[in-house]
Each structure stands twice: as C-alpha cells, then as structure tokens.
C-alpha cells in the first residue's frame, strides 16, 4: 500500500508544491482534484482543479507524470465528484462530459482510476434514482473499460444540509445498492472508492464491507467520523445525519484504523490509502491544513507498508 492525500484541501497551491510538501512529509501518492477549470466551488472542497485535463496533450501528460515521479509521488487517481443525476439536465450533461474528459486523460497519464459519484436527485426515491442511473452509467463504464481505466464511486450519501434533504446527492451509499449496480456488469471496471467514515453514522459494519466488496475496492479514502451525541439526541436518526455527523481527520473520530487496515490487508488490497481532509478544526490557513494532514498521517501510517 501507499499513503497519499487528496489535493482538494490546497485549492490555491500549485500541484508541484503540493507534491513536494507531501513527499517531504511521508506521503507517496496524490489523488488529484480535477474539476473543470473555471467552474468554481459549489460546495466545500469542490471546484479545485490541479490539472487542466481538457487541455492536456499526450506529451504534457507524460511530462507531468514523470515530473511527479521524480519528486517521489504517484497519482493514485483523478478526483471529480459532481452530481450526474442532478435535476437540471445542463448540470447532468456537463458532469458526464467532464467525466469522459477525465477518463481519457487518466488513460493518457497511465492513472488507473477516476474517482467520482453516481449522483442523485434528492427529491426522488432511491428506486427512481437507481433506474435513472441506468440511463448513463452503462455507457460511462463501457467508455472507461475501453480506455483501460477503473471507475471508483465514493460511498458518500452527500447529505449534510437541508438543501440535500431528504435523499442526498449520491445514491451509492449502502451495500444493497452497490450489489445491485455491480450486478449490471460482467467485469470489475466499476468499483468503490471506499471511505469508511460514511459507514460509521449509517451503522454499517466497516470490516464486513471490506470483506464482501474487497475485489471492488479500486481506491480508499482515509477520513474519520465523530458522532455528536448531543446533536443525535436532539435530532434523532431520521435526520439522516444532519446536525450530528462530523467529518474528522483520522485519529479524531470513531474508526479503528488498525482494524480497517487489517481488513484491507486480509482481502489483498494493495492500492493507495488517501487522506481526505474535511475537518473544520484544521481549516483557515495552510499551516492548519498541513498540521491536520500530519496528524492524520501519524494515525494511519503505522499500518501502511
């Protein structure tokens, strides 16, 4: 395995500077945030574009990868997390078009994975969203397959605030849905970018997920989850986590990182474990963001070899 970080926490820092800092501090991989250039942030940690993939020539792709390798860094995946099932057709088409750009770019760079969401219309029932996903996902998976790239869907429900109520903005959050959608395909092009933090507040057994879906783990995020017991007491589970799920850096929440990494080893996962920084306690300056990554590194690195 290799320990990495997601670059979205450094929106104003050039990729080479992020790579130099990461390599000097015990990281050997980066998941590179690759939103469309000029889109801007629709939410926290979105809209960051460390590689303008749409403008990248074959020669520039090789040059970039070689440059990062010379700095001791590999790219674990290209990250872009839009909503391909947004109720606005224009938003949907833009998201899917850029995903194809990223898949083509990943192939040119020799990057094995594109990480993303399936999306959801929060106002529609889960079953309707799953059927709507049939309208684009098979073609997108076929496109990735043709380019030799894996597509990894993060298991985040994307329900943190009232504007995402009641169904969230990503349907790919629980085992029954993963099992059903994986069943649409005869190969493993489609898989998971597994973030254990999103399992905690849903009361889904983290180690069991790793055991069942091990062959579908194409990428792994390391993010922790704190349950605000006062918020849970006030709002109850029917609030779907709003007001009591608190994203934290590894080591500051409820996940047993020794057990999680042990489960990954047991199923033969040998890819990258990438720290995703969404902890408000370590925001506001580069110094705080870096301190957060170092804290997370210290929690996870002892189990990554």
Protein backbone atom coordinates (compact mmCIF):
# COMPACT_ATOMS: atom_id res chain seq x y z
CA UNK A 1 0.00 0.00 0.00
CA UNK A 2 0.92 3.65 -0.33
CA UNK A 3 -0.22 6.58 1.80
CA UNK A 4 -1.48 9.64 -0.03
CA UNK A 5 -3.64 12.73 0.26
CA UNK A 6 -6.40 14.38 -1.76
CA UNK A 7 -5.20 17.70 -3.14
CA UNK A 8 -8.57 19.49 -2.82
CA UNK A 9 -7.54 20.88 0.59
CA UNK A 10 -4.88 23.02 -1.18
CA UNK A 11 -7.01 24.96 -3.69
CA UNK A 12 -4.52 27.81 -4.22
CA UNK A 13 -1.30 25.78 -4.14
CA UNK A 14 0.30 24.55 -7.39
CA UNK A 15 0.36 20.79 -7.82
CA UNK A 16 4.16 20.63 -7.81
CA UNK A 17 4.28 22.46 -4.47
CA UNK A 18 1.69 20.09 -3.00
CA UNK A 19 3.76 17.16 -4.29
CA UNK A 20 6.98 18.49 -2.79
CA UNK A 21 5.37 19.03 0.61
CA UNK A 22 3.67 15.62 0.51
CA UNK A 23 6.85 13.76 -0.42
CA UNK A 24 8.84 15.57 2.28
CA UNK A 25 6.29 14.55 4.89
CA UNK A 26 5.86 10.84 4.34
CA UNK A 27 3.29 10.70 1.55
CA UNK A 28 3.96 8.90 -1.73
CA UNK A 29 0.70 9.41 -3.65
CA UNK A 30 -1.76 12.14 -4.54
CA UNK A 31 -5.38 11.90 -5.60
CA UNK A 32 -5.51 14.96 -7.81
CA UNK A 33 -8.63 17.14 -7.74
CA UNK A 34 -9.66 17.75 -11.36
CA UNK A 35 -12.84 19.80 -11.58
CA UNK A 36 -13.31 21.71 -14.86
CA UNK A 37 -11.17 24.84 -14.96
CA UNK A 38 -13.10 27.94 -14.08
CA UNK A 39 -16.12 26.14 -12.63
CA UNK A 40 -15.62 27.44 -9.10
CA UNK A 41 -16.70 25.85 -5.84
CA UNK A 42 -20.32 24.78 -5.49
CA UNK A 43 -19.54 23.37 -2.02
CA UNK A 44 -16.58 22.95 0.34
CA UNK A 45 -13.58 21.26 -1.31
CA UNK A 46 -15.27 21.24 -4.74
CA UNK A 47 -14.21 23.20 -7.78
CA UNK A 48 -10.49 22.60 -7.27
CA UNK A 49 -8.55 21.87 -10.46
CA UNK A 50 -4.90 20.94 -10.05
CA UNK A 51 -4.69 19.55 -13.59
CA UNK A 52 -6.48 21.08 -16.56
CA UNK A 53 -7.10 17.67 -18.09
CA UNK A 54 -9.14 19.03 -21.00
CA UNK A 55 -6.10 20.98 -22.26
CA UNK A 56 -3.53 18.23 -21.62
CA UNK A 57 -1.72 16.83 -24.66
CA UNK A 58 -0.20 13.34 -24.71
CA UNK A 59 3.27 14.82 -24.35
CA UNK A 60 2.22 17.07 -21.46
CA UNK A 61 0.55 14.11 -19.74
CA UNK A 62 3.75 12.08 -19.81
CA UNK A 63 5.81 15.07 -18.73
CA UNK A 64 3.55 15.74 -15.75
CA UNK A 65 3.59 12.13 -14.55
CA UNK A 66 7.36 11.89 -14.98
CA UNK A 67 7.83 15.15 -13.08
CA UNK A 68 5.76 13.92 -10.14
CA UNK A 69 7.56 10.58 -10.15
CA UNK A 70 10.85 12.46 -9.95
CA UNK A 71 9.50 14.12 -6.81
CA UNK A 72 8.62 10.72 -5.31
CA UNK A 73 4.89 10.96 -5.99
CA UNK A 74 2.48 8.81 -8.00
CA UNK A 75 -1.08 9.77 -8.90
CA UNK A 76 -3.50 7.38 -7.17
CA UNK A 77 -6.49 8.68 -9.12
CA UNK A 78 -8.16 11.72 -10.63
CA UNK A 79 -10.92 13.05 -8.39
CA UNK A 80 -14.08 14.78 -9.58
CA UNK A 81 -17.28 14.48 -7.53
CA UNK A 82 -20.25 16.08 -9.33
CA UNK A 83 -23.92 15.07 -9.45
CA UNK A 84 -24.62 13.22 -12.73
CA UNK A 85 -28.27 12.82 -11.64
CA UNK A 86 -28.86 16.48 -10.86
CA UNK A 87 -32.42 17.58 -11.73
CA UNK A 88 -31.03 20.20 -14.13
CA UNK A 89 -30.24 18.49 -17.48
CA UNK A 90 -27.49 21.01 -18.19
CA UNK A 91 -25.68 20.18 -14.95
CA UNK A 92 -26.00 16.46 -15.70
CA UNK A 93 -24.60 16.74 -19.21
CA UNK A 94 -21.66 18.92 -18.09
CA UNK A 95 -20.77 16.43 -15.34
CA UNK A 96 -20.85 13.45 -17.69
CA UNK A 97 -18.88 15.26 -20.38
CA UNK A 98 -16.12 16.14 -17.94
CA UNK A 99 -16.03 12.59 -16.58
CA UNK A 100 -15.28 11.39 -20.10
CA UNK A 101 -12.53 14.00 -20.37
CA UNK A 102 -11.03 12.70 -17.14
CA UNK A 103 -11.23 9.06 -18.23
CA UNK A 104 -9.39 9.91 -21.44
CA UNK A 105 -6.85 11.96 -19.51
CA UNK A 106 -6.28 9.19 -16.98
CA UNK A 107 -5.56 6.79 -19.84
CA UNK A 108 -3.03 9.24 -21.32
CA UNK A 109 -1.33 9.68 -17.97
CA UNK A 110 -1.37 5.99 -17.05
CA UNK A 111 -3.51 6.79 -13.98
CA UNK A 112 -5.51 3.70 -13.05
CA UNK A 113 -8.65 5.22 -11.52
CA UNK A 114 -11.13 8.06 -11.87
CA UNK A 115 -12.99 8.72 -8.61
CA UNK A 116 -16.49 10.21 -8.69
CA UNK A 117 -20.17 9.95 -7.67
CA UNK A 118 -23.17 8.38 -9.37
CA UNK A 119 -25.24 11.26 -8.02
CA UNK A 120 -28.93 11.51 -7.11
CA UNK A 121 -31.93 13.78 -7.29
CA UNK A 122 -32.55 14.33 -3.57
CA UNK A 123 -36.29 14.79 -4.14
CA UNK A 124 -36.75 11.38 -5.80
CA UNK A 125 -36.94 7.96 -4.11
CA UNK A 126 -33.88 5.72 -4.21
CA UNK A 127 -35.50 3.29 -6.64
CA UNK A 128 -36.20 6.06 -9.16
CA UNK A 129 -32.62 7.30 -8.87
CA UNK A 130 -31.23 3.82 -9.47
CA UNK A 131 -33.36 3.44 -12.59
CA UNK A 132 -32.26 6.89 -13.76
CA UNK A 133 -28.62 5.81 -13.34
CA UNK A 134 -29.28 3.09 -15.92
CA UNK A 135 -29.63 5.90 -18.42
CA UNK A 136 -25.93 6.86 -18.28
CA UNK A 137 -23.86 4.51 -16.13
CA UNK A 138 -23.52 1.53 -18.52
CA UNK A 139 -22.22 3.81 -21.30
CA UNK A 140 -19.82 5.58 -18.93
CA UNK A 141 -18.47 2.27 -17.61
CA UNK A 142 -18.04 1.00 -21.18
CA UNK A 143 -16.11 4.18 -22.02
CA UNK A 144 -13.83 3.64 -19.02
CA UNK A 145 -13.36 -0.03 -19.93
CA UNK A 146 -12.38 0.89 -23.49
CA UNK A 147 -9.72 3.24 -22.08
CA UNK A 148 -8.34 0.75 -19.56
CA UNK A 149 -9.40 2.91 -16.61
CA UNK A 150 -11.31 1.88 -13.48
CA UNK A 151 -14.25 3.98 -12.29
CA UNK A 152 -14.46 4.21 -8.48
CA UNK A 153 -17.61 5.58 -6.87
CA UNK A 154 -17.24 7.11 -3.42
CA UNK A 155 -19.82 5.87 -0.92
CA UNK A 156 -20.72 9.33 0.40
CA UNK A 157 -24.51 9.95 0.62
CA UNK A 158 -23.89 13.70 0.20
CA UNK A 159 -26.45 14.70 2.81
CA UNK A 160 -25.00 17.29 5.15
CA UNK A 161 -27.54 20.12 4.95
CA UNK A 162 -31.20 20.86 4.28
CA UNK A 163 -30.62 21.59 0.58
CA UNK A 164 -29.61 17.93 0.18
CA UNK A 165 -32.68 16.66 2.05
CA UNK A 166 -34.18 14.07 2.05
CA UNK A 167 -32.36 11.67 -0.27
CA UNK A 168 -28.87 13.16 -0.57
CA UNK A 169 -26.93 13.82 -3.77
CA UNK A 170 -25.28 10.41 -4.23
CA UNK A 171 -27.24 7.14 -4.23
CA UNK A 172 -24.14 4.93 -3.90
CA UNK A 173 -24.00 4.80 -0.10
CA UNK A 174 -25.01 1.29 1.01
CA UNK A 175 -24.25 -2.38 0.25
CA UNK A 176 -27.63 -3.32 -1.25
CA UNK A 177 -27.29 -0.60 -3.89
CA UNK A 178 -23.65 -1.45 -4.63
CA UNK A 179 -24.53 -5.11 -5.04
CA UNK A 180 -27.41 -4.35 -7.38
CA UNK A 181 -25.49 -1.94 -9.61
CA UNK A 182 -22.35 -4.07 -9.74
CA UNK A 183 -24.66 -6.82 -10.97
CA UNK A 184 -25.34 -4.83 -14.14
CA UNK A 185 -21.78 -5.51 -15.33
CA UNK A 186 -19.76 -8.59 -16.23
CA UNK A 187 -16.40 -7.18 -15.15
CA UNK A 188 -14.89 -5.04 -12.39
CA UNK A 189 -14.42 -1.76 -14.27
CA UNK A 190 -16.88 -0.17 -11.82
CA UNK A 191 -15.88 -0.29 -8.18
CA UNK A 192 -15.72 1.59 -4.91
CA UNK A 193 -13.66 4.46 -3.64
CA UNK A 194 -14.31 3.33 -0.08
CA UNK A 195 -14.49 6.00 2.62
CA UNK A 196 -15.17 4.28 5.96
CA UNK A 197 -16.35 7.49 7.62
CA UNK A 198 -19.64 7.38 5.73
CA UNK A 199 -20.35 3.89 7.08
CA UNK A 200 -19.97 4.92 10.72
CA UNK A 201 -23.04 7.14 11.08
CA UNK A 202 -25.12 4.74 8.96
CA UNK A 203 -24.20 1.95 11.43
CA UNK A 204 -22.80 -0.19 8.59
CA UNK A 205 -20.10 -2.68 9.63
CA UNK A 206 -16.86 -1.32 8.12
CA UNK A 207 -14.88 -4.56 8.23
CA UNK A 208 -17.75 -6.57 6.75
CA UNK A 209 -17.91 -4.13 3.83
CA UNK A 210 -14.21 -4.67 3.17
CA UNK A 211 -14.63 -8.46 3.32
CA UNK A 212 -17.61 -8.54 0.95
CA UNK A 213 -16.50 -5.90 -1.54
CA UNK A 214 -12.73 -6.40 -1.43
CA UNK A 215 -12.42 -7.18 -5.16
CA UNK A 216 -14.30 -3.94 -5.95
CA UNK A 217 -12.07 -1.66 -3.89
CA UNK A 218 -10.33 0.41 -6.55
CA UNK A 219 -9.34 3.26 -4.22
CA UNK A 220 -9.60 4.04 -0.49
CA UNK A 221 -10.13 7.29 1.38
CA UNK A 222 -8.97 7.75 4.97
CA UNK A 223 -11.37 10.08 6.75
CA UNK A 224 -12.78 9.71 10.23
CA UNK A 225 -16.23 10.41 11.66
CA UNK A 226 -17.28 11.82 15.01
CA UNK A 227 -20.85 11.32 16.18
CA UNK A 228 -22.06 14.42 18.01
CA UNK A 229 -24.13 12.66 20.68
CA UNK A 230 -25.91 15.85 21.69
CA UNK A 231 -26.90 16.52 18.07
CA UNK A 232 -28.06 12.91 17.68
CA UNK A 233 -30.08 13.18 20.88
CA UNK A 234 -31.77 16.36 19.63
CA UNK A 235 -32.43 15.33 16.03
CA UNK A 236 -32.58 11.53 16.01
CA UNK A 237 -31.57 9.16 13.24
CA UNK A 238 -34.44 10.28 10.99
CA UNK A 239 -32.48 13.47 10.35
CA UNK A 240 -30.11 11.33 8.24
CA UNK A 241 -27.02 12.60 9.97
CA UNK A 242 -27.75 16.30 9.57
CA UNK A 243 -26.52 18.06 12.68
CA UNK A 244 -24.63 15.13 14.20
CA UNK A 245 -22.26 13.57 11.66
CA UNK A 246 -18.96 15.44 11.99
CA UNK A 247 -16.18 14.69 9.47
CA UNK A 248 -12.84 14.43 11.25
CA UNK A 249 -9.27 13.62 10.40
CA UNK A 250 -8.11 10.06 11.05
CA UNK A 251 -7.41 9.54 14.73
CA UNK A 252 -10.02 12.08 15.89
CA UNK A 253 -13.15 10.02 15.31
CA UNK A 254 -14.59 6.58 15.89
CA UNK A 255 -12.79 4.41 13.32
CA UNK A 256 -10.27 1.80 14.45
CA UNK A 257 -7.59 2.37 11.84
CA UNK A 258 -5.66 -0.74 12.87
CA UNK A 259 -8.75 -2.89 12.25
CA UNK A 260 -9.66 -1.14 8.99
CA UNK A 261 -6.18 -1.55 7.55
CA UNK A 262 -6.04 -5.13 8.80
CA UNK A 263 -9.24 -5.85 6.87
CA UNK A 264 -7.75 -4.29 3.73
CA UNK A 265 -4.66 -6.49 4.03
CA UNK A 266 -6.82 -9.57 4.54
CA UNK A 267 -8.63 -9.05 1.22
CA UNK A 268 -5.39 -8.31 -0.62
CA UNK A 269 -5.87 -4.59 -1.20
CA UNK A 270 -2.52 -3.13 -2.25
CA UNK A 271 -3.55 0.24 -3.65
CA UNK A 272 -3.39 3.70 -2.16
CA UNK A 273 -4.94 4.90 1.10
CA UNK A 274 -5.59 8.60 0.56
CA UNK A 275 -6.30 11.01 3.41
CA UNK A 276 -9.28 13.25 2.69
CA UNK A 277 -9.23 16.46 4.73
CA UNK A 278 -12.68 17.86 5.60
CA UNK A 279 -12.08 18.68 9.27
CA UNK A 280 -13.23 22.21 10.14
CA UNK A 281 -10.92 22.20 13.16
CA UNK A 282 -7.92 22.26 10.83
CA UNK A 283 -9.01 24.82 8.24
CA UNK A 284 -8.39 28.51 7.74
CA UNK A 285 -4.71 28.52 6.78
CA UNK A 286 -2.17 26.34 5.01
CA UNK A 287 -0.45 25.78 8.35
CA UNK A 288 -3.61 24.35 9.89
CA UNK A 289 -4.37 22.21 6.84
CA UNK A 290 -0.85 20.80 6.85
CA UNK A 291 -0.99 20.16 10.60
CA UNK A 292 -4.19 18.22 10.01
CA UNK A 293 -2.60 16.06 7.34
CA UNK A 294 0.36 15.35 9.61
CA UNK A 295 -1.94 14.35 12.46
CA UNK A 296 -3.83 12.04 10.10
CA UNK A 297 -0.58 10.64 8.73
CA UNK A 298 0.51 9.73 12.23
CA UNK A 299 -2.77 7.86 12.83
CA UNK A 300 -2.71 5.84 9.61
CA UNK A 301 0.94 5.49 8.53
CA UNK A 302 1.91 2.90 11.17
CA UNK A 303 -0.35 0.42 9.39
CA UNK A 304 0.65 1.22 5.79
CA UNK A 305 3.60 -0.75 4.42
